[in-house]
Amino acid sequence: MTHSISRVGRCIDNGPMESFWGTLKCEKYYLYKFDAFDELSNFIITKDTKND
């Protein structure tokens, strides 16, 4: 994904990324406890590749 570099107040440009991060936090981060960022990162990568 490419980030948007638009003027202040153009929140519609940011909508898809906000939705992505919200979904990621709800489905991956809040349901499990991680002691380090590497554990979270590895969990996201392995769970996403298993769904293919």
C-alpha atoms as a PDB file:
ATOM      1  CA  MET A   1       0.000   0.000   0.000  1.00  0.00           C
ATOM      2  CA  THR A   2       1.096   3.534  -0.690  1.00  0.00           C
ATOM      3  CA  HIS A   3       0.450   6.139   1.943  1.00  0.00           C
ATOM      4  CA  SER A   4      -1.468   9.261   1.108  1.00  0.00           C
ATOM      5  CA  ILE A   5       0.167  12.670   1.187  1.00  0.00           C
ATOM      6  CA  SER A   6      -2.832  14.924   0.893  1.00  0.00           C
ATOM      7  CA  ARG A   7      -3.829  18.080   2.694  1.00  0.00           C
ATOM      8  CA  VAL A   8      -4.959  18.188   6.296  1.00  0.00           C
ATOM      9  CA  GLY A   9      -8.641  17.399   6.648  1.00  0.00           C
ATOM     10  CA  ARG A  10      -8.795  14.853   3.824  1.00  0.00           C
ATOM     11  CA  CYS A  11      -9.580  11.973   6.159  1.00  0.00           C
ATOM     12  CA  ILE A  12     -11.161   9.892   3.385  1.00  0.00           C
ATOM     13  CA  ASP A  13      -7.645   9.188   2.066  1.00  0.00           C
ATOM     14  CA  ASN A  14      -6.725   7.610   5.383  1.00  0.00           C
ATOM     15  CA  GLY A  15      -9.837   5.406   5.672  1.00  0.00           C
ATOM     16  CA  PRO A  16      -8.462   2.190   4.137  1.00  0.00           C
ATOM     17  CA  MET A  17      -5.364   2.189   6.345  1.00  0.00           C
ATOM     18  CA  GLU A  18      -7.360   2.975   9.484  1.00  0.00           C
ATOM     19  CA  SER A  19      -9.650   0.064   8.634  1.00  0.00           C
ATOM     20  CA  PHE A  20      -6.664  -2.239   8.081  1.00  0.00           C
ATOM     21  CA  TRP A  21      -5.026  -1.350  11.413  1.00  0.00           C
ATOM     22  CA  GLY A  22      -8.344  -1.641  13.246  1.00  0.00           C
ATOM     23  CA  THR A  23      -8.964  -5.104  11.824  1.00  0.00           C
ATOM     24  CA  LEU A  24      -5.398  -6.201  12.558  1.00  0.00           C
ATOM     25  CA  LYS A  25      -5.656  -5.085  16.186  1.00  0.00           C
ATOM     26  CA  CYS A  26      -9.062  -6.687  16.727  1.00  0.00           C
ATOM     27  CA  GLU A  27      -8.265 -10.029  15.102  1.00  0.00           C
ATOM     28  CA  LYS A  28      -4.601 -10.492  16.022  1.00  0.00           C
ATOM     29  CA  TYR A  29      -3.400  -8.176  18.782  1.00  0.00           C
ATOM     30  CA  TYR A  30      -6.235  -7.987  21.316  1.00  0.00           C
ATOM     31  CA  LEU A  31      -7.015 -11.716  21.332  1.00  0.00           C
ATOM     32  CA  TYR A  32      -3.506 -12.844  22.334  1.00  0.00           C
ATOM     33  CA  LYS A  33      -0.756 -11.733  24.718  1.00  0.00           C
ATOM     34  CA  PHE A  34       2.700 -11.075  23.309  1.00  0.00           C
ATOM     35  CA  ASP A  35       5.856 -10.353  25.294  1.00  0.00           C
ATOM     36  CA  ALA A  36       7.795  -8.871  22.383  1.00  0.00           C
ATOM     37  CA  PHE A  37       7.142  -7.256  19.033  1.00  0.00           C
ATOM     38  CA  ASP A  38       8.925 -10.137  17.269  1.00  0.00           C
ATOM     39  CA  GLU A  39       6.391 -12.606  18.651  1.00  0.00           C
ATOM     40  CA  LEU A  40       3.513 -10.513  17.319  1.00  0.00           C
ATOM     41  CA  SER A  41       5.209 -10.077  13.952  1.00  0.00           C
ATOM     42  CA  ASN A  42       5.880 -13.804  13.575  1.00  0.00           C
ATOM     43  CA  PHE A  43       2.310 -14.632  14.650  1.00  0.00           C
ATOM     44  CA  ILE A  44       0.840 -12.329  12.003  1.00  0.00           C
ATOM     45  CA  ILE A  45       3.074 -13.707   9.268  1.00  0.00           C
ATOM     46  CA  THR A  46       2.495 -17.396  10.079  1.00  0.00           C
ATOM     47  CA  LYS A  47      -1.280 -17.044  10.579  1.00  0.00           C
ATOM     48  CA  ASP A  48      -1.682 -15.139   7.302  1.00  0.00           C
ATOM     49  CA  THR A  49       0.281 -17.679   5.275  1.00  0.00           C
ATOM     50  CA  LYS A  50      -1.722 -20.578   6.743  1.00  0.00           C
ATOM     51  CA  ASN A  51      -4.962 -19.005   5.501  1.00  0.00           C
ATOM     52  CA  ASP A  52      -3.856 -19.201   1.839  1.00  0.00           C
END
